Amino acid sequence: MDGKRALGWCCGFDEVSEVFAVRVVGGGKVTLPLAVRELVGIEDDDYVRLSIVEVIKKKKKTLKERGQEVRTKSESS
């Protein structure tokens, strides 16, 4: 079974599917990992169908944590 079929087979689909986490950057853009693009043959200007499984929020630093970070940087200078 080739890589494309194996990905779909593991998830019960007759399609290619892969699960990975990516960071959303400016304008809501995400980058698909190169290994995944190469494995499934995604090229520039292709369209892909995506499913959002979960949104993982970045933990916001407290004022105290930010203050310690600033002091640590200035002390190391």
N, C-alpha and C. Protein backbone atom coordinates (compact mmCIF):
# COMPACT_ATOMS: atom_id res chain seq x y z
N MET A 1 0.86 -1.18 0.00
CA MET A 1 0.00 0.00 0.00
C MET A 1 0.90 1.24 0.00
N ASP A 2 0.69 2.17 -0.93
CA ASP A 2 1.54 3.35 -0.98
C ASP A 2 1.19 4.33 0.14
N GLY A 3 2.03 5.37 0.32
CA GLY A 3 1.85 6.33 1.40
C GLY A 3 0.51 7.03 1.39
N LYS A 4 0.04 7.41 0.20
CA LYS A 4 -1.24 8.12 0.10
C LYS A 4 -2.39 7.23 0.57
N ARG A 5 -2.41 6.00 0.09
CA ARG A 5 -3.49 5.09 0.48
C ARG A 5 -3.40 4.75 1.96
N ALA A 6 -2.17 4.61 2.48
CA ALA A 6 -2.00 4.27 3.89
C ALA A 6 -2.56 5.37 4.78
N LEU A 7 -2.36 6.63 4.40
CA LEU A 7 -2.89 7.74 5.20
C LEU A 7 -4.41 7.68 5.28
N GLY A 8 -5.06 7.50 4.15
CA GLY A 8 -6.51 7.42 4.12
C GLY A 8 -7.03 6.17 4.82
N TRP A 9 -6.34 5.06 4.62
CA TRP A 9 -6.77 3.80 5.19
C TRP A 9 -6.80 3.85 6.71
N CYS A 10 -5.81 4.48 7.34
CA CYS A 10 -5.72 4.50 8.80
C CYS A 10 -6.89 5.26 9.41
N CYS A 11 -7.48 6.17 8.67
CA CYS A 11 -8.56 6.99 9.20
C CYS A 11 -9.93 6.53 8.72
N GLY A 12 -10.01 5.46 7.97
CA GLY A 12 -11.28 4.92 7.52
C GLY A 12 -11.87 5.63 6.32
N PHE A 13 -11.07 6.38 5.61
CA PHE A 13 -11.55 7.09 4.43
C PHE A 13 -10.90 6.49 3.19
N ASP A 14 -11.56 6.64 2.06
CA ASP A 14 -10.93 6.25 0.81
C ASP A 14 -10.31 7.49 0.18
N GLU A 15 -9.83 8.37 1.03
CA GLU A 15 -9.19 9.61 0.60
C GLU A 15 -7.90 9.76 1.38
N VAL A 16 -7.09 10.69 0.97
CA VAL A 16 -5.87 11.00 1.71
C VAL A 16 -6.27 11.83 2.92
N SER A 17 -5.76 11.47 4.09
CA SER A 17 -6.00 12.30 5.27
C SER A 17 -4.80 12.21 6.19
N GLU A 18 -4.52 13.29 6.86
CA GLU A 18 -3.38 13.38 7.77
C GLU A 18 -3.77 14.33 8.88
N VAL A 19 -3.31 14.08 10.08
CA VAL A 19 -3.59 14.95 11.22
C VAL A 19 -2.28 15.58 11.67
N PHE A 20 -2.27 16.89 11.78
CA PHE A 20 -1.11 17.62 12.26
C PHE A 20 -1.58 18.97 12.78
N ALA A 21 -0.77 19.63 13.58
CA ALA A 21 -1.11 20.94 14.13
C ALA A 21 -0.25 22.00 13.45
N VAL A 22 -0.86 23.13 13.12
CA VAL A 22 -0.13 24.24 12.53
C VAL A 22 -0.55 25.53 13.22
N ARG A 23 0.30 26.52 13.13
CA ARG A 23 0.02 27.83 13.71
C ARG A 23 -0.64 28.72 12.66
N VAL A 24 -1.65 29.45 13.06
CA VAL A 24 -2.30 30.40 12.16
C VAL A 24 -1.48 31.69 12.20
N VAL A 25 -1.10 32.18 11.03
CA VAL A 25 -0.31 33.41 10.95
C VAL A 25 -1.16 34.53 10.35
N GLY A 26 -0.56 35.67 10.09
CA GLY A 26 -1.26 36.84 9.60
C GLY A 26 -2.29 36.55 8.53
N GLY A 27 -3.45 37.13 8.68
CA GLY A 27 -4.50 36.97 7.69
C GLY A 27 -5.16 35.60 7.71
N GLY A 28 -4.95 34.82 8.78
CA GLY A 28 -5.58 33.51 8.89
C GLY A 28 -4.93 32.43 8.06
N LYS A 29 -3.70 32.66 7.62
CA LYS A 29 -3.02 31.67 6.79
C LYS A 29 -2.37 30.58 7.63
N VAL A 30 -2.32 29.38 7.09
CA VAL A 30 -1.61 28.26 7.71
C VAL A 30 -0.67 27.64 6.68
N THR A 31 0.38 27.01 7.15
CA THR A 31 1.33 26.34 6.26
C THR A 31 1.20 24.84 6.46
N LEU A 32 0.99 24.12 5.37
CA LEU A 32 0.98 22.68 5.44
C LEU A 32 2.42 22.18 5.47
N PRO A 33 2.75 21.26 6.36
CA PRO A 33 4.12 20.77 6.45
C PRO A 33 4.62 20.23 5.10
N LEU A 34 5.88 20.51 4.79
CA LEU A 34 6.47 20.07 3.53
C LEU A 34 6.36 18.57 3.34
N ALA A 35 6.60 17.81 4.41
CA ALA A 35 6.54 16.35 4.30
C ALA A 35 5.15 15.89 3.86
N VAL A 36 4.11 16.54 4.36
CA VAL A 36 2.74 16.19 3.97
C VAL A 36 2.49 16.59 2.53
N ARG A 37 2.91 17.80 2.15
CA ARG A 37 2.72 18.25 0.76
C ARG A 37 3.40 17.30 -0.21
N GLU A 38 4.61 16.89 0.12
CA GLU A 38 5.34 15.98 -0.77
C GLU A 38 4.68 14.61 -0.80
N LEU A 39 4.25 14.11 0.36
CA LEU A 39 3.65 12.78 0.43
C LEU A 39 2.38 12.68 -0.40
N VAL A 40 1.55 13.71 -0.37
CA VAL A 40 0.28 13.64 -1.07
C VAL A 40 0.28 14.39 -2.40
N GLY A 41 1.42 14.99 -2.76
CA GLY A 41 1.54 15.62 -4.07
C GLY A 41 0.87 16.98 -4.19
N ILE A 42 0.82 17.75 -3.11
CA ILE A 42 0.21 19.09 -3.16
C ILE A 42 1.21 20.04 -3.81
N GLU A 43 0.73 20.79 -4.79
CA GLU A 43 1.56 21.77 -5.49
C GLU A 43 0.95 23.15 -5.35
N ASP A 44 1.75 24.19 -5.64
CA ASP A 44 1.24 25.57 -5.62
C ASP A 44 0.00 25.67 -6.47
N ASP A 45 -0.94 26.45 -6.03
CA ASP A 45 -2.23 26.72 -6.68
C ASP A 45 -3.21 25.55 -6.61
N ASP A 46 -2.86 24.45 -5.95
CA ASP A 46 -3.83 23.38 -5.71
C ASP A 46 -4.80 23.83 -4.62
N TYR A 47 -5.99 23.27 -4.63
CA TYR A 47 -6.95 23.46 -3.55
C TYR A 47 -6.97 22.18 -2.73
N VAL A 48 -7.09 22.33 -1.40
CA VAL A 48 -7.19 21.16 -0.52
C VAL A 48 -8.42 21.32 0.36
N ARG A 49 -9.02 20.22 0.73
CA ARG A 49 -10.17 20.24 1.63
C ARG A 49 -9.65 19.98 3.03
N LEU A 50 -9.97 20.86 3.97
CA LEU A 50 -9.48 20.75 5.34
C LEU A 50 -10.63 20.59 6.31
N SER A 51 -10.37 19.93 7.43
CA SER A 51 -11.32 19.84 8.53
C SER A 51 -10.63 20.35 9.78
N ILE A 52 -11.29 21.23 10.49
CA ILE A 52 -10.75 21.72 11.76
C ILE A 52 -11.26 20.81 12.86
N VAL A 53 -10.33 20.18 13.56
CA VAL A 53 -10.69 19.23 14.59
C VAL A 53 -10.72 19.91 15.96
N GLU A 54 -9.80 20.83 16.17
CA GLU A 54 -9.67 21.48 17.47
C GLU A 54 -8.93 22.80 17.29
N VAL A 55 -9.28 23.79 18.11
CA VAL A 55 -8.54 25.04 18.15
C VAL A 55 -7.79 25.08 19.47
N ILE A 56 -6.47 25.19 19.40
CA ILE A 56 -5.63 25.22 20.60
C ILE A 56 -5.17 26.65 20.79
N LYS A 57 -5.65 27.30 21.84
CA LYS A 57 -5.31 28.69 22.09
C LYS A 57 -3.93 28.78 22.74
N LYS A 58 -3.18 29.79 22.33
CA LYS A 58 -1.87 30.05 22.92
C LYS A 58 -2.09 30.64 24.30
N LYS A 59 -1.35 30.14 25.29
CA LYS A 59 -1.47 30.65 26.65
C LYS A 59 -0.90 32.06 26.69
N LYS A 60 -1.69 32.99 27.22
CA LYS A 60 -1.23 34.37 27.34
C LYS A 60 -0.42 34.52 28.61
N LYS A 61 0.70 35.25 28.51
CA LYS A 61 1.56 35.46 29.66
C LYS A 61 0.96 36.52 30.57
N THR A 62 1.14 36.32 31.87
CA THR A 62 0.68 37.32 32.84
C THR A 62 1.65 38.49 32.84
N LEU A 63 1.24 39.61 33.42
CA LEU A 63 2.12 40.78 33.52
C LEU A 63 3.40 40.42 34.27
N LYS A 64 3.27 39.62 35.32
CA LYS A 64 4.43 39.21 36.10
C LYS A 64 5.41 38.41 35.24
N GLU A 65 4.89 37.46 34.45
CA GLU A 65 5.74 36.64 33.58
C GLU A 65 6.43 37.51 32.53
N ARG A 66 5.69 38.49 31.97
CA ARG A 66 6.30 39.37 30.98
C ARG A 66 7.38 40.24 31.59
N GLY A 67 7.17 40.71 32.82
CA GLY A 67 8.17 41.52 33.51
C GLY A 67 9.45 40.75 33.76
N GLN A 68 9.32 39.50 34.15
CA GLN A 68 10.50 38.66 34.38
C GLN A 68 11.24 38.40 33.08
N GLU A 69 10.51 38.23 32.00
CA GLU A 69 11.12 37.99 30.70
C GLU A 69 11.92 39.21 30.26
N VAL A 70 11.37 40.41 30.46
CA VAL A 70 12.06 41.64 30.08
C VAL A 70 13.32 41.81 30.91
N ARG A 71 13.24 41.57 32.24
CA ARG A 71 14.41 41.69 33.09
C ARG A 71 15.50 40.69 32.70
N THR A 72 15.10 39.48 32.39
CA THR A 72 16.07 38.45 32.00
C THR A 72 16.80 38.87 30.74
N LYS A 73 16.09 39.42 29.76
CA LYS A 73 16.73 39.86 28.52
C LYS A 73 17.67 41.03 28.78
N SER A 74 17.27 42.00 29.59
CA SER A 74 18.13 43.17 29.83
C SER A 74 19.32 42.80 30.69
N GLU A 75 19.19 41.83 31.59
CA GLU A 75 20.30 41.40 32.43
C GLU A 75 21.34 40.66 31.61
N SER A 76 20.93 39.98 30.54
CA SER A 76 21.88 39.21 29.74
C SER A 76 22.61 40.09 28.73
N SER A 77 22.19 41.35 28.57
CA SER A 77 22.85 42.25 27.61
C SER A 77 24.14 42.81 28.12
